[in-house]
Amino acid sequence: MVNKTSRLSLKNFGITPSFLCSFSFKYSGFFFLLKSIFSKKKSQ
C-alpha cells in the first residue's frame, strides 16, 4: 500500500527511479570531490 502511493507521488513530480539513481550518483561524486578539496586544504 505504501509502496504504491510513494511511486504515484514520485510520478506526479516527474521523478523516475533512473533519474533518482543518476542524481544520487552525481551528488555522491560531488560530495567526494568536496571532501577531497577540504582534506587538501587541511593538509596544507
N, C-alpha and C. Protein backbone atom coordinates (compact mmCIF):
# COMPACT_ATOMS: atom_id res chain seq x y z
N MET A 1 0.84 -1.21 0.00
CA MET A 1 0.00 0.00 0.00
C MET A 1 0.88 1.25 0.00
N VAL A 2 1.85 1.28 0.91
CA VAL A 2 2.72 2.46 1.00
C VAL A 2 3.58 2.59 -0.26
N ASN A 3 4.05 1.44 -0.77
CA ASN A 3 4.90 1.45 -1.96
C ASN A 3 4.16 2.06 -3.15
N LYS A 4 2.90 1.67 -3.33
CA LYS A 4 2.12 2.16 -4.47
C LYS A 4 1.93 3.67 -4.39
N THR A 5 1.59 4.18 -3.22
CA THR A 5 1.35 5.61 -3.07
C THR A 5 2.64 6.41 -3.28
N SER A 6 3.73 5.91 -2.77
CA SER A 6 5.01 6.61 -2.91
C SER A 6 5.41 6.67 -4.39
N ARG A 7 5.16 5.56 -5.11
CA ARG A 7 5.51 5.54 -6.53
C ARG A 7 4.64 6.52 -7.30
N LEU A 8 3.37 6.61 -6.91
CA LEU A 8 2.43 7.50 -7.58
C LEU A 8 2.87 8.96 -7.39
N SER A 9 3.22 9.30 -6.15
CA SER A 9 3.64 10.67 -5.86
C SER A 9 4.92 11.02 -6.62
N LEU A 10 5.83 10.05 -6.72
CA LEU A 10 7.08 10.28 -7.45
C LEU A 10 6.79 10.57 -8.92
N LYS A 11 5.84 9.81 -9.50
CA LYS A 11 5.49 10.02 -10.90
C LYS A 11 4.84 11.38 -11.08
N ASN A 12 4.06 11.80 -10.09
CA ASN A 12 3.40 13.11 -10.16
C ASN A 12 4.44 14.22 -10.23
N PHE A 13 5.53 14.05 -9.51
CA PHE A 13 6.59 15.05 -9.51
C PHE A 13 7.51 14.91 -10.72
N GLY A 14 7.29 13.84 -11.51
CA GLY A 14 8.11 13.63 -12.70
C GLY A 14 9.47 13.06 -12.36
N ILE A 15 9.58 12.41 -11.22
CA ILE A 15 10.87 11.83 -10.81
C ILE A 15 10.84 10.32 -11.06
N THR A 16 11.64 9.85 -11.98
CA THR A 16 11.69 8.41 -12.27
C THR A 16 12.83 7.77 -11.50
N PRO A 17 12.74 6.47 -11.23
CA PRO A 17 13.82 5.78 -10.50
C PRO A 17 15.19 5.98 -11.14
N SER A 18 15.23 6.00 -12.48
CA SER A 18 16.51 6.19 -13.18
C SER A 18 17.07 7.58 -12.89
N PHE A 19 16.18 8.58 -12.87
CA PHE A 19 16.61 9.95 -12.57
C PHE A 19 17.14 10.03 -11.14
N LEU A 20 16.43 9.35 -10.23
CA LEU A 20 16.84 9.35 -8.84
C LEU A 20 18.22 8.72 -8.69
N CYS A 21 18.45 7.63 -9.44
CA CYS A 21 19.73 6.93 -9.39
C CYS A 21 20.86 7.83 -9.90
N SER A 22 20.63 8.46 -11.05
CA SER A 22 21.66 9.32 -11.65
C SER A 22 21.93 10.53 -10.75
N PHE A 23 20.87 11.07 -10.14
CA PHE A 23 21.03 12.23 -9.27
C PHE A 23 21.86 11.88 -8.04
N SER A 24 21.54 10.74 -7.42
CA SER A 24 22.28 10.32 -6.22
C SER A 24 23.74 10.02 -6.58
N PHE A 25 23.94 9.47 -7.79
CA PHE A 25 25.30 9.16 -8.23
C PHE A 25 26.10 10.44 -8.42
N LYS A 26 25.48 11.44 -9.06
CA LYS A 26 26.16 12.72 -9.27
C LYS A 26 26.43 13.42 -7.95
N TYR A 27 25.46 13.35 -7.02
CA TYR A 27 25.61 14.02 -5.74
C TYR A 27 26.74 13.40 -4.93
N SER A 28 26.80 12.06 -4.95
CA SER A 28 27.86 11.37 -4.20
C SER A 28 29.23 11.74 -4.78
N GLY A 29 29.31 11.85 -6.10
CA GLY A 29 30.56 12.23 -6.75
C GLY A 29 30.96 13.64 -6.38
N PHE A 30 29.97 14.53 -6.33
CA PHE A 30 30.23 15.93 -5.98
C PHE A 30 30.67 16.03 -4.52
N PHE A 31 30.02 15.24 -3.65
CA PHE A 31 30.38 15.24 -2.24
C PHE A 31 31.80 14.72 -2.04
N PHE A 32 32.17 13.69 -2.80
CA PHE A 32 33.51 13.12 -2.71
C PHE A 32 34.55 14.15 -3.14
N LEU A 33 34.23 14.92 -4.19
CA LEU A 33 35.12 15.96 -4.69
C LEU A 33 35.30 17.04 -3.62
N LEU A 34 34.20 17.41 -2.99
CA LEU A 34 34.24 18.44 -1.95
C LEU A 34 35.10 17.96 -0.78
N LYS A 35 34.94 16.69 -0.40
CA LYS A 35 35.70 16.13 0.72
C LYS A 35 37.20 16.15 0.42
N SER A 36 37.55 15.79 -0.82
CA SER A 36 38.97 15.73 -1.18
C SER A 36 39.57 17.14 -1.15
N ILE A 37 38.80 18.14 -1.57
CA ILE A 37 39.29 19.52 -1.58
C ILE A 37 39.54 19.98 -0.15
N PHE A 38 38.60 19.66 0.75
CA PHE A 38 38.74 20.07 2.15
C PHE A 38 39.94 19.39 2.81
N SER A 39 40.14 18.12 2.48
CA SER A 39 41.26 17.39 3.07
C SER A 39 42.59 17.98 2.57
N LYS A 40 42.61 18.44 1.32
CA LYS A 40 43.82 19.05 0.77
C LYS A 40 44.12 20.37 1.48
N LYS A 41 43.07 21.15 1.75
CA LYS A 41 43.25 22.43 2.43
C LYS A 41 43.78 22.21 3.84
N LYS A 42 43.30 21.17 4.51
CA LYS A 42 43.73 20.89 5.88
C LYS A 42 45.19 20.46 5.91
N SER A 43 45.62 19.72 4.90
CA SER A 43 47.00 19.21 4.88
C SER A 43 47.99 20.35 4.62
N GLN A 44 47.56 21.38 3.94
CA GLN A 44 48.47 22.49 3.61
C GLN A 44 48.85 23.30 4.84
